């Protein structure tokens, strides 16, 4: 967009350049933050949510299996006492 005023043209160019630099700086800051966060997660040995949920579901299944086995054991013991 060109106007008759060279000062305004120059200001528009500077503003466009500044916005480009600001966007690039924002992307660079975002990448640096992500790298720092990944490093921190690795240091703390954190678990991803998907892995946690999978282990939680597996644990619930194992608890149900243990309860079923306890029930069978109790029924078997009761049967032996009845005989």
N, C-alpha and C. Protein backbone atom coordinates (compact mmCIF):
# COMPACT_ATOMS: atom_id res chain seq x y z
N UNK A 1 0.84 -1.17 0.00
CA UNK A 1 0.00 0.00 0.00
C UNK A 1 0.89 1.23 0.00
N UNK A 2 0.82 1.99 -1.03
CA UNK A 2 1.64 3.19 -1.14
C UNK A 2 0.75 4.42 -1.01
N UNK A 3 1.29 5.39 -0.34
CA UNK A 3 0.57 6.66 -0.20
C UNK A 3 1.41 7.76 -0.85
N UNK A 4 0.92 8.94 -0.78
CA UNK A 4 1.65 10.08 -1.32
C UNK A 4 2.71 10.57 -0.33
N UNK A 5 2.63 10.13 0.90
CA UNK A 5 3.53 10.60 1.93
C UNK A 5 4.67 9.58 2.13
N UNK A 6 5.91 9.91 1.80
CA UNK A 6 7.01 8.97 1.97
C UNK A 6 7.25 8.59 3.43
N UNK A 7 6.96 9.48 4.34
CA UNK A 7 7.12 9.17 5.77
C UNK A 7 6.18 8.03 6.18
N UNK A 8 4.94 8.10 5.73
CA UNK A 8 3.98 7.05 6.06
C UNK A 8 4.37 5.73 5.39
N UNK A 9 4.88 5.80 4.17
CA UNK A 9 5.35 4.58 3.49
C UNK A 9 6.48 3.92 4.28
N UNK A 10 7.41 4.74 4.74
CA UNK A 10 8.54 4.21 5.51
C UNK A 10 8.06 3.64 6.85
N UNK A 11 7.11 4.29 7.48
CA UNK A 11 6.56 3.78 8.75
C UNK A 11 5.85 2.44 8.54
N UNK A 12 5.14 2.32 7.43
CA UNK A 12 4.45 1.06 7.12
C UNK A 12 5.46 -0.06 6.92
N UNK A 13 6.56 0.23 6.22
CA UNK A 13 7.60 -0.78 6.01
C UNK A 13 8.23 -1.18 7.34
N UNK A 14 8.53 -0.20 8.17
CA UNK A 14 9.14 -0.50 9.49
C UNK A 14 8.19 -1.31 10.36
N UNK A 15 6.92 -0.96 10.32
CA UNK A 15 5.93 -1.69 11.12
C UNK A 15 5.82 -3.13 10.64
N UNK A 16 5.81 -3.34 9.33
CA UNK A 16 5.74 -4.69 8.78
C UNK A 16 6.98 -5.50 9.17
N UNK A 17 8.14 -4.87 9.08
CA UNK A 17 9.38 -5.55 9.46
C UNK A 17 9.38 -5.88 10.95
N UNK A 18 8.91 -4.95 11.76
CA UNK A 18 8.86 -5.19 13.21
C UNK A 18 7.92 -6.33 13.56
N UNK A 19 6.81 -6.42 12.87
CA UNK A 19 5.85 -7.51 13.13
C UNK A 19 6.47 -8.86 12.75
N UNK A 20 7.21 -8.87 11.65
CA UNK A 20 7.91 -10.10 11.25
C UNK A 20 8.93 -10.52 12.28
N UNK A 21 9.68 -9.57 12.79
CA UNK A 21 10.68 -9.87 13.83
C UNK A 21 10.01 -10.34 15.12
N UNK A 22 8.92 -9.70 15.47
CA UNK A 22 8.20 -10.10 16.69
C UNK A 22 7.66 -11.52 16.55
N UNK A 23 7.15 -11.86 15.38
CA UNK A 23 6.63 -13.20 15.17
C UNK A 23 7.75 -14.23 15.24
N UNK A 24 8.89 -13.91 14.62
CA UNK A 24 10.04 -14.81 14.66
C UNK A 24 10.55 -14.98 16.09
N UNK A 25 10.59 -13.90 16.84
CA UNK A 25 11.03 -13.97 18.24
C UNK A 25 10.07 -14.81 19.06
N UNK A 26 8.78 -14.67 18.79
CA UNK A 26 7.79 -15.48 19.50
C UNK A 26 7.95 -16.96 19.21
N UNK A 27 8.20 -17.30 17.97
CA UNK A 27 8.41 -18.70 17.60
C UNK A 27 9.68 -19.25 18.25
N UNK A 28 10.72 -18.42 18.29
CA UNK A 28 11.97 -18.85 18.92
C UNK A 28 11.79 -19.05 20.42
N UNK A 29 11.05 -18.16 21.06
CA UNK A 29 10.78 -18.30 22.49
C UNK A 29 9.96 -19.55 22.76
N UNK A 30 9.01 -19.82 21.91
CA UNK A 30 8.17 -21.01 22.05
C UNK A 30 9.02 -22.28 21.93
N UNK A 31 9.92 -22.31 20.96
CA UNK A 31 10.80 -23.47 20.78
C UNK A 31 11.73 -23.64 21.98
N UNK A 32 12.26 -22.54 22.49
CA UNK A 32 13.15 -22.62 23.66
C UNK A 32 12.40 -23.10 24.88
N UNK A 33 11.17 -22.63 25.07
CA UNK A 33 10.36 -23.06 26.21
C UNK A 33 10.04 -24.55 26.10
N UNK A 34 9.71 -25.00 24.88
CA UNK A 34 9.40 -26.42 24.69
C UNK A 34 10.63 -27.28 24.96
N UNK A 35 11.80 -26.86 24.52
CA UNK A 35 13.03 -27.61 24.77
C UNK A 35 13.33 -27.66 26.26
N UNK A 36 13.17 -26.56 26.94
CA UNK A 36 13.41 -26.52 28.39
C UNK A 36 12.42 -27.42 29.12
N UNK A 37 11.18 -27.39 28.70
CA UNK A 37 10.15 -28.24 29.32
C UNK A 37 10.46 -29.71 29.09
N UNK A 38 10.84 -30.07 27.87
CA UNK A 38 11.20 -31.47 27.58
C UNK A 38 12.38 -31.92 28.43
N UNK A 39 13.36 -31.04 28.60
CA UNK A 39 14.52 -31.38 29.44
C UNK A 39 14.10 -31.60 30.89
N UNK A 40 13.23 -30.74 31.39
CA UNK A 40 12.76 -30.85 32.76
C UNK A 40 11.96 -32.14 32.97
N UNK A 41 11.11 -32.46 32.02
CA UNK A 41 10.31 -33.69 32.10
C UNK A 41 11.23 -34.91 32.12
N UNK A 42 12.28 -34.89 31.30
CA UNK A 42 13.21 -36.01 31.28
C UNK A 42 13.98 -36.12 32.60
N UNK A 43 14.37 -34.98 33.17
CA UNK A 43 15.09 -35.00 34.45
C UNK A 43 14.23 -35.53 35.58
N UNK A 44 12.96 -35.16 35.58
CA UNK A 44 12.07 -35.57 36.67
C UNK A 44 11.52 -36.97 36.49
N UNK A 45 11.80 -37.59 35.34
CA UNK A 45 11.36 -38.95 35.04
C UNK A 45 9.83 -39.06 35.15
N UNK A 46 9.15 -38.11 34.54
CA UNK A 46 7.69 -38.10 34.57
C UNK A 46 7.11 -39.10 33.59
N UNK A 47 5.87 -39.49 33.82
CA UNK A 47 5.18 -40.46 32.98
C UNK A 47 4.13 -39.72 32.17
N UNK A 48 4.01 -40.10 30.91
CA UNK A 48 2.98 -39.50 30.06
C UNK A 48 1.60 -39.97 30.51
N UNK A 49 0.61 -39.14 30.28
CA UNK A 49 -0.76 -39.42 30.73
C UNK A 49 -1.29 -40.72 30.14
N UNK A 50 -1.00 -40.99 28.87
CA UNK A 50 -1.48 -42.21 28.22
C UNK A 50 -0.91 -43.45 28.91
N UNK A 51 0.38 -43.41 29.26
CA UNK A 51 1.00 -44.54 29.95
C UNK A 51 0.40 -44.73 31.34
N UNK A 52 0.17 -43.62 32.03
CA UNK A 52 -0.43 -43.69 33.36
C UNK A 52 -1.82 -44.30 33.29
N UNK A 53 -2.64 -43.86 32.34
CA UNK A 53 -3.99 -44.39 32.20
C UNK A 53 -3.98 -45.87 31.85
N UNK A 54 -3.03 -46.29 31.01
CA UNK A 54 -2.93 -47.71 30.64
C UNK A 54 -2.56 -48.55 31.86
N UNK A 55 -1.61 -48.08 32.65
CA UNK A 55 -1.22 -48.81 33.86
C UNK A 55 -2.35 -48.83 34.89
N UNK A 56 -3.08 -47.74 34.98
CA UNK A 56 -4.21 -47.67 35.91
C UNK A 56 -5.28 -48.70 35.53
N UNK A 57 -5.57 -48.81 34.23
CA UNK A 57 -6.56 -49.79 33.77
C UNK A 57 -6.06 -51.21 34.01
N UNK A 58 -4.77 -51.44 33.77
CA UNK A 58 -4.21 -52.77 34.01
C UNK A 58 -4.28 -53.14 35.49
N UNK A 59 -3.99 -52.18 36.35
CA UNK A 59 -4.06 -52.41 37.79
C UNK A 59 -5.48 -52.72 38.23
N UNK A 60 -6.45 -52.02 37.68
CA UNK A 60 -7.85 -52.28 38.03
C UNK A 60 -8.23 -53.70 37.62
N UNK A 61 -7.76 -54.14 36.46
CA UNK A 61 -8.03 -55.51 36.01
C UNK A 61 -7.38 -56.53 36.93
N UNK A 62 -6.16 -56.27 37.35
CA UNK A 62 -5.47 -57.19 38.26
C UNK A 62 -6.15 -57.25 39.62
N UNK A 63 -6.63 -56.11 40.10
CA UNK A 63 -7.35 -56.11 41.38
C UNK A 63 -8.62 -56.94 41.29
N UNK A 64 -9.33 -56.82 40.18
CA UNK A 64 -10.55 -57.60 39.99
C UNK A 64 -10.21 -59.09 39.94
N UNK A 65 -9.12 -59.43 39.28
CA UNK A 65 -8.70 -60.83 39.19
C UNK A 65 -8.33 -61.38 40.57
N UNK A 66 -7.62 -60.58 41.37
CA UNK A 66 -7.24 -61.00 42.73
C UNK A 66 -8.50 -61.22 43.58
N UNK A 67 -9.46 -60.29 43.47
CA UNK A 67 -10.70 -60.46 44.22
C UNK A 67 -11.44 -61.73 43.80
N UNK A 68 -11.45 -62.02 42.52
CA UNK A 68 -12.10 -63.24 42.04
C UNK A 68 -11.39 -64.48 42.59
N UNK A 69 -10.08 -64.46 42.60
CA UNK A 69 -9.32 -65.59 43.14
C UNK A 69 -9.56 -65.74 44.64
N UNK A 70 -9.65 -64.62 45.35
CA UNK A 70 -9.94 -64.69 46.79
C UNK A 70 -11.33 -65.30 47.02
N UNK A 71 -12.27 -64.93 46.18
CA UNK A 71 -13.61 -65.50 46.29
C UNK A 71 -13.60 -67.00 46.05
N UNK A 72 -12.86 -67.43 45.04
CA UNK A 72 -12.75 -68.88 44.76
C UNK A 72 -12.08 -69.61 45.92
N UNK A 73 -11.05 -68.99 46.50
CA UNK A 73 -10.33 -69.60 47.62
C UNK A 73 -11.26 -69.73 48.82
N UNK A 74 -12.02 -68.69 49.09
CA UNK A 74 -12.94 -68.72 50.22
C UNK A 74 -14.03 -69.77 49.98
N UNK A 75 -14.53 -69.88 48.77
CA UNK A 75 -15.56 -70.88 48.45
C UNK A 75 -14.97 -72.28 48.59
N UNK A 76 -13.74 -72.45 48.13
CA UNK A 76 -13.10 -73.76 48.24
C UNK A 76 -12.86 -74.13 49.71
N UNK A 77 -12.45 -73.18 50.53
CA UNK A 77 -12.24 -73.44 51.95
C UNK A 77 -13.55 -73.76 52.64
N UNK A 78 -14.61 -73.05 52.28
CA UNK A 78 -15.91 -73.32 52.88
C UNK A 78 -16.41 -74.69 52.49
N UNK A 79 -16.17 -75.08 51.26
CA UNK A 79 -16.60 -76.41 50.78
C UNK A 79 -15.85 -77.51 51.52
N UNK A 80 -14.55 -77.31 51.74
CA UNK A 80 -13.74 -78.30 52.45
C UNK A 80 -14.23 -78.45 53.90
N UNK A 81 -14.61 -77.33 54.53
CA UNK A 81 -15.08 -77.40 55.91
C UNK A 81 -16.44 -78.08 55.97
N UNK A 82 -17.22 -77.91 54.92
CA UNK A 82 -18.55 -78.52 54.90
C UNK A 82 -18.46 -80.03 54.73
N UNK A 83 -17.40 -80.49 54.06
CA UNK A 83 -17.25 -81.93 53.83
C UNK A 83 -16.69 -82.62 55.00
